[in-house]
Amino acid sequence: MVISKFLLASLFISLFVLQLAKATQTENTNLNASPIPKIDCGSACSNRCRLASRQRLCHRACGTCCARCNCVPPGTSGNHEVCPCYASLTTHGGRRKCP
């Protein structure tokens, strides 16, 4: 009777250790996945807004869009097809949020 309880306890402990090892391996695999590198929103928005007539407004809107999308289209205007997320953000009035 004592031996069967000991074997049963050993079985449960070994299953627990195996499950713990599997979970740790899965976490390590997820950590090794290369994340998308963050772009420098400040310099990207400075480039995007350099010809804007309202520079502060342009930088603020561009910074918000860049932080959400991690993308800023090249050039000073247009090119929204390069960054669909950036182009899809709108204001409450339905206008494009991002310059």
PDB file of N, CA and C in Angstrom:
ATOM      1  N   MET A   1       0.822  -1.187   0.000  1.00  0.00           N
ATOM      2  CA  MET A   1       0.000   0.000   0.000  1.00  0.00           C
ATOM      3  C   MET A   1       0.868   1.254   0.000  1.00  0.00           C
ATOM      4  N   VAL A   2       1.908   1.237   0.842  1.00  0.00           N
ATOM      5  CA  VAL A   2       2.802   2.378   0.926  1.00  0.00           C
ATOM      6  C   VAL A   2       3.579   2.538  -0.386  1.00  0.00           C
ATOM      7  N   ILE A   3       3.951   1.401  -0.975  1.00  0.00           N
ATOM      8  CA  ILE A   3       4.712   1.439  -2.221  1.00  0.00           C
ATOM      9  C   ILE A   3       3.855   2.012  -3.342  1.00  0.00           C
ATOM     10  N   SER A   4       2.574   1.658  -3.425  1.00  0.00           N
ATOM     11  CA  SER A   4       1.706   2.172  -4.485  1.00  0.00           C
ATOM     12  C   SER A   4       1.496   3.686  -4.327  1.00  0.00           C
ATOM     13  N   LYS A   5       1.385   4.177  -3.093  1.00  0.00           N
ATOM     14  CA  LYS A   5       1.248   5.616  -2.873  1.00  0.00           C
ATOM     15  C   LYS A   5       2.530   6.332  -3.273  1.00  0.00           C
ATOM     16  N   PHE A   6       3.652   5.713  -2.965  1.00  0.00           N
ATOM     17  CA  PHE A   6       4.941   6.290  -3.327  1.00  0.00           C
ATOM     18  C   PHE A   6       5.090   6.349  -4.849  1.00  0.00           C
ATOM     19  N   LEU A   7       4.708   5.289  -5.553  1.00  0.00           N
ATOM     20  CA  LEU A   7       4.787   5.270  -7.012  1.00  0.00           C
ATOM     21  C   LEU A   7       3.843   6.294  -7.636  1.00  0.00           C
ATOM     22  N   LEU A   8       2.665   6.406  -7.081  1.00  0.00           N
ATOM     23  CA  LEU A   8       1.694   7.369  -7.583  1.00  0.00           C
ATOM     24  C   LEU A   8       2.198   8.802  -7.380  1.00  0.00           C
ATOM     25  N   ALA A   9       2.753   9.088  -6.218  1.00  0.00           N
ATOM     26  CA  ALA A   9       3.307  10.414  -5.945  1.00  0.00           C
ATOM     27  C   ALA A   9       4.488  10.707  -6.870  1.00  0.00           C
ATOM     28  N   SER A  10       5.334   9.710  -7.095  1.00  0.00           N
ATOM     29  CA  SER A  10       6.472   9.881  -7.996  1.00  0.00           C
ATOM     30  C   SER A  10       6.018  10.168  -9.423  1.00  0.00           C
ATOM     31  N   LEU A  11       4.963   9.497  -9.843  1.00  0.00           N
ATOM     32  CA  LEU A  11       4.420   9.716 -11.176  1.00  0.00           C
ATOM     33  C   LEU A  11       3.905  11.142 -11.323  1.00  0.00           C
ATOM     34  N   PHE A  12       3.154  11.615 -10.346  1.00  0.00           N
ATOM     35  CA  PHE A  12       2.634  12.977 -10.397  1.00  0.00           C
ATOM     36  C   PHE A  12       3.757  14.014 -10.387  1.00  0.00           C
ATOM     37  N   ILE A  13       4.761  13.799  -9.587  1.00  0.00           N
ATOM     38  CA  ILE A  13       5.886  14.742  -9.528  1.00  0.00           C
ATOM     39  C   ILE A  13       6.632  14.759 -10.860  1.00  0.00           C
ATOM     40  N   SER A  14       6.860  13.600 -11.459  1.00  0.00           N
ATOM     41  CA  SER A  14       7.578  13.557 -12.738  1.00  0.00           C
ATOM     42  C   SER A  14       6.761  14.219 -13.846  1.00  0.00           C
ATOM     43  N   LEU A  15       5.447  14.014 -13.840  1.00  0.00           N
ATOM     44  CA  LEU A  15       4.597  14.687 -14.825  1.00  0.00           C
ATOM     45  C   LEU A  15       4.633  16.205 -14.634  1.00  0.00           C
ATOM     46  N   PHE A  16       4.619  16.652 -13.403  1.00  0.00           N
ATOM     47  CA  PHE A  16       4.693  18.082 -13.109  1.00  0.00           C
ATOM     48  C   PHE A  16       6.009  18.674 -13.606  1.00  0.00           C
ATOM     49  N   VAL A  17       7.115  17.986 -13.355  1.00  0.00           N
ATOM     50  CA  VAL A  17       8.430  18.469 -13.790  1.00  0.00           C
ATOM     51  C   VAL A  17       8.497  18.514 -15.323  1.00  0.00           C
ATOM     52  N   LEU A  18       7.965  17.496 -15.999  1.00  0.00           N
ATOM     53  CA  LEU A  18       7.953  17.496 -17.463  1.00  0.00           C
ATOM     54  C   LEU A  18       7.120  18.655 -18.016  1.00  0.00           C
ATOM     55  N   GLN A  19       5.982  18.901 -17.409  1.00  0.00           N
ATOM     56  CA  GLN A  19       5.120  20.010 -17.840  1.00  0.00           C
ATOM     57  C   GLN A  19       5.823  21.342 -17.632  1.00  0.00           C
ATOM     58  N   LEU A  20       6.506  21.493 -16.507  1.00  0.00           N
ATOM     59  CA  LEU A  20       7.242  22.711 -16.208  1.00  0.00           C
ATOM     60  C   LEU A  20       8.374  22.923 -17.209  1.00  0.00           C
ATOM     61  N   ALA A  21       9.079  21.864 -17.557  1.00  0.00           N
ATOM     62  CA  ALA A  21      10.165  21.951 -18.538  1.00  0.00           C
ATOM     63  C   ALA A  21       9.627  22.331 -19.915  1.00  0.00           C
ATOM     64  N   LYS A  22       8.495  21.775 -20.277  1.00  0.00           N
ATOM     65  CA  LYS A  22       7.895  22.088 -21.570  1.00  0.00           C
ATOM     66  C   LYS A  22       7.460  23.550 -21.616  1.00  0.00           C
ATOM     67  N   ALA A  23       6.872  24.058 -20.546  1.00  0.00           N
ATOM     68  CA  ALA A  23       6.450  25.456 -20.481  1.00  0.00           C
ATOM     69  C   ALA A  23       7.647  26.390 -20.568  1.00  0.00           C
ATOM     70  N   THR A  24       8.729  26.047 -19.894  1.00  0.00           N
ATOM     71  CA  THR A  24       9.940  26.867 -19.929  1.00  0.00           C
ATOM     72  C   THR A  24      10.522  26.888 -21.330  1.00  0.00           C
ATOM     73  N   GLN A  25      10.526  25.754 -22.012  1.00  0.00           N
ATOM     74  CA  GLN A  25      11.050  25.684 -23.370  1.00  0.00           C
ATOM     75  C   GLN A  25      10.200  26.531 -24.306  1.00  0.00           C
ATOM     76  N   THR A  26       8.888  26.511 -24.154  1.00  0.00           N
ATOM     77  CA  THR A  26       7.994  27.309 -24.988  1.00  0.00           C
ATOM     78  C   THR A  26       8.237  28.790 -24.763  1.00  0.00           C
ATOM     79  N   GLU A  27       8.427  29.209 -23.508  1.00  0.00           N
ATOM     80  CA  GLU A  27       8.698  30.616 -23.211  1.00  0.00           C
ATOM     81  C   GLU A  27      10.016  31.050 -23.838  1.00  0.00           C
ATOM     82  N   ASN A  28      11.037  30.215 -23.764  1.00  0.00           N
ATOM     83  CA  ASN A  28      12.326  30.556 -24.356  1.00  0.00           C
ATOM     84  C   ASN A  28      12.223  30.669 -25.868  1.00  0.00           C
ATOM     85  N   THR A  29      11.431  29.829 -26.489  1.00  0.00           N
ATOM     86  CA  THR A  29      11.245  29.894 -27.934  1.00  0.00           C
ATOM     87  C   THR A  29      10.563  31.201 -28.308  1.00  0.00           C
ATOM     88  N   ASN A  30       9.557  31.617 -27.548  1.00  0.00           N
ATOM     89  CA  ASN A  30       8.856  32.863 -27.827  1.00  0.00           C
ATOM     90  C   ASN A  30       9.755  34.067 -27.604  1.00  0.00           C
ATOM     91  N   LEU A  31      10.658  33.998 -26.633  1.00  0.00           N
ATOM     92  CA  LEU A  31      11.548  35.115 -26.358  1.00  0.00           C
ATOM     93  C   LEU A  31      12.602  35.269 -27.443  1.00  0.00           C
ATOM     94  N   ASN A  32      12.969  34.190 -28.102  1.00  0.00           N
ATOM     95  CA  ASN A  32      14.003  34.243 -29.121  1.00  0.00           C
ATOM     96  C   ASN A  32      13.489  34.754 -30.457  1.00  0.00           C
ATOM     97  N   ALA A  33      12.168  34.881 -30.607  1.00  0.00           N
ATOM     98  CA  ALA A  33      11.622  35.404 -31.847  1.00  0.00           C
ATOM     99  C   ALA A  33      12.049  36.865 -31.983  1.00  0.00           C
ATOM    100  N   SER A  34      12.519  37.224 -33.159  1.00  0.00           N
ATOM    101  CA  SER A  34      13.030  38.586 -33.324  1.00  0.00           C
ATOM    102  C   SER A  34      11.868  39.563 -33.476  1.00  0.00           C
ATOM    103  N   PRO A  35      11.757  40.526 -32.567  1.00  0.00           N
ATOM    104  CA  PRO A  35      10.701  41.517 -32.672  1.00  0.00           C
ATOM    105  C   PRO A  35      11.019  42.522 -33.773  1.00  0.00           C
ATOM    106  N   ILE A  36      10.005  43.180 -34.264  1.00  0.00           N
ATOM    107  CA  ILE A  36      10.200  44.198 -35.278  1.00  0.00           C
ATOM    108  C   ILE A  36      10.899  45.382 -34.620  1.00  0.00           C
ATOM    109  N   PRO A  37      12.015  45.820 -35.168  1.00  0.00           N
ATOM    110  CA  PRO A  37      12.734  46.932 -34.540  1.00  0.00           C
ATOM    111  C   PRO A  37      11.928  48.224 -34.618  1.00  0.00           C
ATOM    112  N   LYS A  38      11.973  49.000 -33.554  1.00  0.00           N
ATOM    113  CA  LYS A  38      11.284  50.287 -33.506  1.00  0.00           C
ATOM    114  C   LYS A  38      12.053  51.304 -34.337  1.00  0.00           C
ATOM    115  N   ILE A  39      11.319  52.133 -35.071  1.00  0.00           N
ATOM    116  CA  ILE A  39      11.977  53.180 -35.840  1.00  0.00           C
ATOM    117  C   ILE A  39      12.101  54.424 -34.978  1.00  0.00           C
ATOM    118  N   ASP A  40      12.970  55.316 -35.369  1.00  0.00           N
ATOM    119  CA  ASP A  40      13.148  56.583 -34.664  1.00  0.00           C
ATOM    120  C   ASP A  40      12.077  57.539 -35.168  1.00  0.00           C
ATOM    121  N   CYS A  41      10.983  57.644 -34.411  1.00  0.00           N
ATOM    122  CA  CYS A  41       9.847  58.465 -34.835  1.00  0.00           C
ATOM    123  C   CYS A  41      10.217  59.946 -34.916  1.00  0.00           C
ATOM    124  N   GLY A  42      11.088  60.399 -34.039  1.00  0.00           N
ATOM    125  CA  GLY A  42      11.460  61.818 -34.040  1.00  0.00           C
ATOM    126  C   GLY A  42      12.091  62.247 -35.350  1.00  0.00           C
ATOM    127  N   SER A  43      13.075  61.500 -35.814  1.00  0.00           N
ATOM    128  CA  SER A  43      13.741  61.882 -37.065  1.00  0.00           C
ATOM    129  C   SER A  43      12.857  61.607 -38.281  1.00  0.00           C
ATOM    130  N   ALA A  44      12.073  60.532 -38.225  1.00  0.00           N
ATOM    131  CA  ALA A  44      11.179  60.223 -39.344  1.00  0.00           C
ATOM    132  C   ALA A  44      10.117  61.308 -39.494  1.00  0.00           C
ATOM    133  N   CYS A  45       9.581  61.779 -38.368  1.00  0.00           N
ATOM    134  CA  CYS A  45       8.555  62.832 -38.423  1.00  0.00           C
ATOM    135  C   CYS A  45       9.168  64.190 -38.759  1.00  0.00           C
ATOM    136  N   SER A  46      10.399  64.430 -38.339  1.00  0.00           N
ATOM    137  CA  SER A  46      11.069  65.678 -38.725  1.00  0.00           C
ATOM    138  C   SER A  46      11.225  65.744 -40.233  1.00  0.00           C
ATOM    139  N   ASN A  47      11.588  64.630 -40.817  1.00  0.00           N
ATOM    140  CA  ASN A  47      11.725  64.565 -42.264  1.00  0.00           C
ATOM    141  C   ASN A  47      10.364  64.727 -42.939  1.00  0.00           C
ATOM    142  N   ARG A  48       9.352  64.078 -42.397  1.00  0.00           N
ATOM    143  CA  ARG A  48       8.012  64.128 -42.979  1.00  0.00           C
ATOM    144  C   ARG A  48       7.412  65.528 -42.886  1.00  0.00           C
ATOM    145  N   CYS A  49       7.673  66.238 -41.804  1.00  0.00           N
ATOM    146  CA  CYS A  49       7.023  67.531 -41.538  1.00  0.00           C
ATOM    147  C   CYS A  49       7.900  68.739 -41.863  1.00  0.00           C
ATOM    148  N   ARG A  50       9.022  68.549 -42.497  1.00  0.00           N
ATOM    149  CA  ARG A  50       9.949  69.665 -42.688  1.00  0.00           C
ATOM    150  C   ARG A  50       9.392  70.785 -43.560  1.00  0.00           C
ATOM    151  N   LEU A  51       8.430  70.528 -44.434  1.00  0.00           N
ATOM    152  CA  LEU A  51       7.842  71.571 -45.279  1.00  0.00           C
ATOM    153  C   LEU A  51       6.443  71.986 -44.827  1.00  0.00           C
ATOM    154  N   ALA A  52       5.968  71.461 -43.715  1.00  0.00           N
ATOM    155  CA  ALA A  52       4.613  71.763 -43.248  1.00  0.00           C
ATOM    156  C   ALA A  52       4.521  73.208 -42.768  1.00  0.00           C
ATOM    157  N   SER A  53       3.375  73.825 -42.998  1.00  0.00           N
ATOM    158  CA  SER A  53       3.186  75.196 -42.540  1.00  0.00           C
ATOM    159  C   SER A  53       2.912  75.239 -41.040  1.00  0.00           C
ATOM    160  N   ARG A  54       2.360  74.169 -40.490  1.00  0.00           N
ATOM    161  CA  ARG A  54       2.083  74.081 -39.041  1.00  0.00           C
ATOM    162  C   ARG A  54       2.916  72.928 -38.483  1.00  0.00           C
ATOM    163  N   GLN A  55       4.172  73.212 -38.227  1.00  0.00           N
ATOM    164  CA  GLN A  55       5.140  72.182 -37.847  1.00  0.00           C
ATOM    165  C   GLN A  55       4.781  71.469 -36.549  1.00  0.00           C
ATOM    166  N   ARG A  56       4.374  72.192 -35.524  1.00  0.00           N
ATOM    167  CA  ARG A  56       4.047  71.532 -34.237  1.00  0.00           C
ATOM    168  C   ARG A  56       2.895  70.563 -34.385  1.00  0.00           C
ATOM    169  N   LEU A  57       1.853  70.986 -35.100  1.00  0.00           N
ATOM    170  CA  LEU A  57       0.696  70.125 -35.325  1.00  0.00           C
ATOM    171  C   LEU A  57       1.101  68.885 -36.125  1.00  0.00           C
ATOM    172  N   CYS A  58       1.908  69.088 -37.139  1.00  0.00           N
ATOM    173  CA  CYS A  58       2.361  67.975 -37.970  1.00  0.00           C
ATOM    174  C   CYS A  58       3.193  66.992 -37.155  1.00  0.00           C
ATOM    175  N   HIS A  59       4.122  67.502 -36.347  1.00  0.00           N
ATOM    176  CA  HIS A  59       4.970  66.625 -35.523  1.00  0.00           C
ATOM    177  C   HIS A  59       4.145  65.845 -34.505  1.00  0.00           C
ATOM    178  N   ARG A  60       3.160  66.501 -33.903  1.00  0.00           N
ATOM    179  CA  ARG A  60       2.332  65.821 -32.903  1.00  0.00           C
ATOM    180  C   ARG A  60       1.520  64.698 -33.548  1.00  0.00           C
ATOM    181  N   ALA A  61       0.880  64.988 -34.679  1.00  0.00           N
ATOM    182  CA  ALA A  61       0.071  63.970 -35.358  1.00  0.00           C
ATOM    183  C   ALA A  61       0.956  62.853 -35.900  1.00  0.00           C
ATOM    184  N   CYS A  62       2.058  63.218 -36.487  1.00  0.00           N
ATOM    185  CA  CYS A  62       2.973  62.213 -37.046  1.00  0.00           C
ATOM    186  C   CYS A  62       3.538  61.321 -35.939  1.00  0.00           C
ATOM    187  N   GLY A  63       3.889  61.925 -34.806  1.00  0.00           N
ATOM    188  CA  GLY A  63       4.431  61.151 -33.690  1.00  0.00           C
ATOM    189  C   GLY A  63       3.441  60.133 -33.161  1.00  0.00           C
ATOM    190  N   THR A  64       2.177  60.538 -33.056  1.00  0.00           N
ATOM    191  CA  THR A  64       1.129  59.623 -32.601  1.00  0.00           C
ATOM    192  C   THR A  64       0.962  58.471 -33.584  1.00  0.00           C
ATOM    193  N   CYS A  65       0.918  58.790 -34.859  1.00  0.00           N
ATOM    194  CA  CYS A  65       0.741  57.758 -35.881  1.00  0.00           C
ATOM    195  C   CYS A  65       1.944  56.821 -35.940  1.00  0.00           C
ATOM    196  N   CYS A  66       3.134  57.390 -35.820  1.00  0.00           N
ATOM    197  CA  CYS A  66       4.354  56.583 -35.860  1.00  0.00           C
ATOM    198  C   CYS A  66       4.407  55.626 -34.673  1.00  0.00           C
ATOM    199  N   ALA A  67       4.029  56.098 -33.496  1.00  0.00           N
ATOM    200  CA  ALA A  67       4.043  55.249 -32.306  1.00  0.00           C
ATOM    201  C   ALA A  67       3.065  54.088 -32.448  1.00  0.00           C
ATOM    202  N   ARG A  68       1.921  54.327 -33.050  1.00  0.00           N
ATOM    203  CA  ARG A  68       0.919  53.269 -33.214  1.00  0.00           C
ATOM    204  C   ARG A  68       1.294  52.287 -34.318  1.00  0.00           C
ATOM    205  N   CYS A  69       1.852  52.788 -35.416  1.00  0.00           N
ATOM    206  CA  CYS A  69       2.087  51.956 -36.597  1.00  0.00           C
ATOM    207  C   CYS A  69       3.529  51.517 -36.783  1.00  0.00           C
ATOM    208  N   ASN A  70       4.462  52.176 -36.101  1.00  0.00           N
ATOM    209  CA  ASN A  70       5.889  51.908 -36.267  1.00  0.00           C
ATOM    210  C   ASN A  70       6.292  52.056 -37.734  1.00  0.00           C
ATOM    211  N   CYS A  71       5.723  53.076 -38.371  1.00  0.00           N
ATOM    212  CA  CYS A  71       5.970  53.307 -39.785  1.00  0.00           C
ATOM    213  C   CYS A  71       5.637  54.757 -40.114  1.00  0.00           C
ATOM    214  N   VAL A  72       6.455  55.390 -40.948  1.00  0.00           N
ATOM    215  CA  VAL A  72       6.179  56.720 -41.480  1.00  0.00           C
ATOM    216  C   VAL A  72       6.509  56.668 -42.962  1.00  0.00           C
ATOM    217  N   PRO A  73       5.558  57.056 -43.825  1.00  0.00           N
ATOM    218  CA  PRO A  73       5.842  57.026 -45.261  1.00  0.00           C
ATOM    219  C   PRO A  73       6.983  57.972 -45.627  1.00  0.00           C
ATOM    220  N   PRO A  74       7.732  57.648 -46.673  1.00  0.00           N
ATOM    221  CA  PRO A  74       8.831  58.515 -47.083  1.00  0.00           C
ATOM    222  C   PRO A  74       8.319  59.803 -47.726  1.00  0.00           C
ATOM    223  N   GLY A  75       9.146  60.799 -47.725  1.00  0.00           N
ATOM    224  CA  GLY A  75       8.790  62.065 -48.365  1.00  0.00           C
ATOM    225  C   GLY A  75       8.039  62.986 -47.423  1.00  0.00           C
ATOM    226  N   THR A  76       7.639  64.127 -47.947  1.00  0.00           N
ATOM    227  CA  THR A  76       6.955  65.125 -47.119  1.00  0.00           C
ATOM    228  C   THR A  76       5.443  65.037 -47.213  1.00  0.00           C
ATOM    229  N   SER A  77       4.914  64.334 -48.203  1.00  0.00           N
ATOM    230  CA  SER A  77       3.467  64.124 -48.300  1.00  0.00           C
ATOM    231  C   SER A  77       3.204  62.930 -49.207  1.00  0.00           C
ATOM    232  N   GLY A  78       1.981  62.440 -49.142  1.00  0.00           N
ATOM    233  CA  GLY A  78       1.604  61.303 -49.981  1.00  0.00           C
ATOM    234  C   GLY A  78       2.289  60.012 -49.558  1.00  0.00           C
ATOM    235  N   ASN A  79       2.447  59.103 -50.491  1.00  0.00           N
ATOM    236  CA  ASN A  79       3.086  57.796 -50.287  1.00  0.00           C
ATOM    237  C   ASN A  79       2.416  56.971 -49.193  1.00  0.00           C
ATOM    238  N   HIS A  80       1.135  57.183 -48.965  1.00  0.00           N
ATOM    239  CA  HIS A  80       0.435  56.461 -47.895  1.00  0.00           C
ATOM    240  C   HIS A  80       0.336  54.964 -48.166  1.00  0.00           C
ATOM    241  N   GLU A  81       0.467  54.534 -49.407  1.00  0.00           N
ATOM    242  CA  GLU A  81       0.375  53.109 -49.724  1.00  0.00           C
ATOM    243  C   GLU A  81       1.549  52.314 -49.152  1.00  0.00           C
ATOM    244  N   VAL A  82       2.643  53.007 -48.832  1.00  0.00           N
ATOM    245  CA  VAL A  82       3.812  52.339 -48.255  1.00  0.00           C
ATOM    246  C   VAL A  82       3.516  51.862 -46.834  1.00  0.00           C
ATOM    247  N   CYS A  83       2.678  52.584 -46.128  1.00  0.00           N
ATOM    248  CA  CYS A  83       2.355  52.263 -44.737  1.00  0.00           C
ATOM    249  C   CYS A  83       0.836  52.279 -44.554  1.00  0.00           C
ATOM    250  N   PRO A  84       0.154  51.159 -44.812  1.00  0.00           N
ATOM    251  CA  PRO A  84      -1.313  51.126 -44.747  1.00  0.00           C
ATOM    252  C   PRO A  84      -1.878  51.493 -43.367  1.00  0.00           C
ATOM    253  N   CYS A  85      -1.196  51.093 -42.295  1.00  0.00           N
ATOM    254  CA  CYS A  85      -1.673  51.429 -40.953  1.00  0.00           C
ATOM    255  C   CYS A  85      -1.691  52.936 -40.769  1.00  0.00           C
ATOM    256  N   TYR A  86      -0.634  53.590 -41.185  1.00  0.00           N
ATOM    257  CA  TYR A  86      -0.496  55.043 -41.076  1.00  0.00           C
ATOM    258  C   TYR A  86      -1.624  55.730 -41.848  1.00  0.00           C
ATOM    259  N   ALA A  87      -1.951  55.216 -43.008  1.00  0.00           N
ATOM    260  CA  ALA A  87      -2.987  55.808 -43.856  1.00  0.00           C
ATOM    261  C   ALA A  87      -4.395  55.529 -43.339  1.00  0.00           C
ATOM    262  N   SER A  88      -4.568  54.468 -42.549  1.00  0.00           N
ATOM    263  CA  SER A  88      -5.918  54.087 -42.115  1.00  0.00           C
ATOM    264  C   SER A  88      -6.400  54.831 -40.869  1.00  0.00           C
ATOM    265  N   LEU A  89      -5.497  55.489 -40.151  1.00  0.00           N
ATOM    266  CA  LEU A  89      -5.910  56.211 -38.941  1.00  0.00           C
ATOM    267  C   LEU A  89      -6.662  57.475 -39.317  1.00  0.00           C
ATOM    268  N   THR A  90      -7.836  57.671 -38.701  1.00  0.00           N
ATOM    269  CA  THR A  90      -8.662  58.840 -39.006  1.00  0.00           C
ATOM    270  C   THR A  90      -9.065  59.568 -37.734  1.00  0.00           C
ATOM    271  N   THR A  91      -9.489  60.824 -37.900  1.00  0.00           N
ATOM    272  CA  THR A  91      -9.988  61.621 -36.785  1.00  0.00           C
ATOM    273  C   THR A  91     -11.451  61.257 -36.548  1.00  0.00           C
ATOM    274  N   HIS A  92     -12.046  61.858 -35.527  1.00  0.00           N
ATOM    275  CA  HIS A  92     -13.473  61.615 -35.272  1.00  0.00           C
ATOM    276  C   HIS A  92     -14.342  62.122 -36.431  1.00  0.00           C
ATOM    277  N   GLY A  93     -13.832  63.094 -37.159  1.00  0.00           N
ATOM    278  CA  GLY A  93     -14.571  63.628 -38.291  1.00  0.00           C
ATOM    279  C   GLY A  93     -14.396  62.840 -39.571  1.00  0.00           C
ATOM    280  N   GLY A  94     -13.603  61.781 -39.541  1.00  0.00           N
ATOM    281  CA  GLY A  94     -13.413  60.931 -40.705  1.00  0.00           C
ATOM    282  C   GLY A  94     -12.276  61.373 -41.605  1.00  0.00           C
ATOM    283  N   ARG A  95     -11.540  62.419 -41.234  1.00  0.00           N
ATOM    284  CA  ARG A  95     -10.403  62.875 -42.027  1.00  0.00           C
ATOM    285  C   ARG A  95      -9.151  62.095 -41.625  1.00  0.00           C
ATOM    286  N   ARG A  96      -8.158  62.078 -42.496  1.00  0.00           N
ATOM    287  CA  ARG A  96      -6.899  61.399 -42.173  1.00  0.00           C
ATOM    288  C   ARG A  96      -6.228  62.074 -40.998  1.00  0.00           C
ATOM    289  N   LYS A  97      -5.810  61.283 -40.037  1.00  0.00           N
ATOM    290  CA  LYS A  97      -5.132  61.803 -38.851  1.00  0.00           C
ATOM    291  C   LYS A  97      -3.668  62.104 -39.127  1.00  0.00           C
ATOM    292  N   CYS A  98      -3.043  61.265 -39.939  1.00  0.00           N
ATOM    293  CA  CYS A  98      -1.600  61.320 -40.122  1.00  0.00           C
ATOM    294  C   CYS A  98      -1.228  62.176 -41.338  1.00  0.00           C
ATOM    295  N   PRO A  99      -0.241  63.053 -41.148  1.00  0.00           N
ATOM    296  CA  PRO A  99       0.154  63.944 -42.252  1.00  0.00           C
ATOM    297  C   PRO A  99       0.915  63.202 -43.342  1.00  0.00           C
TER     298      PRO A  99
END
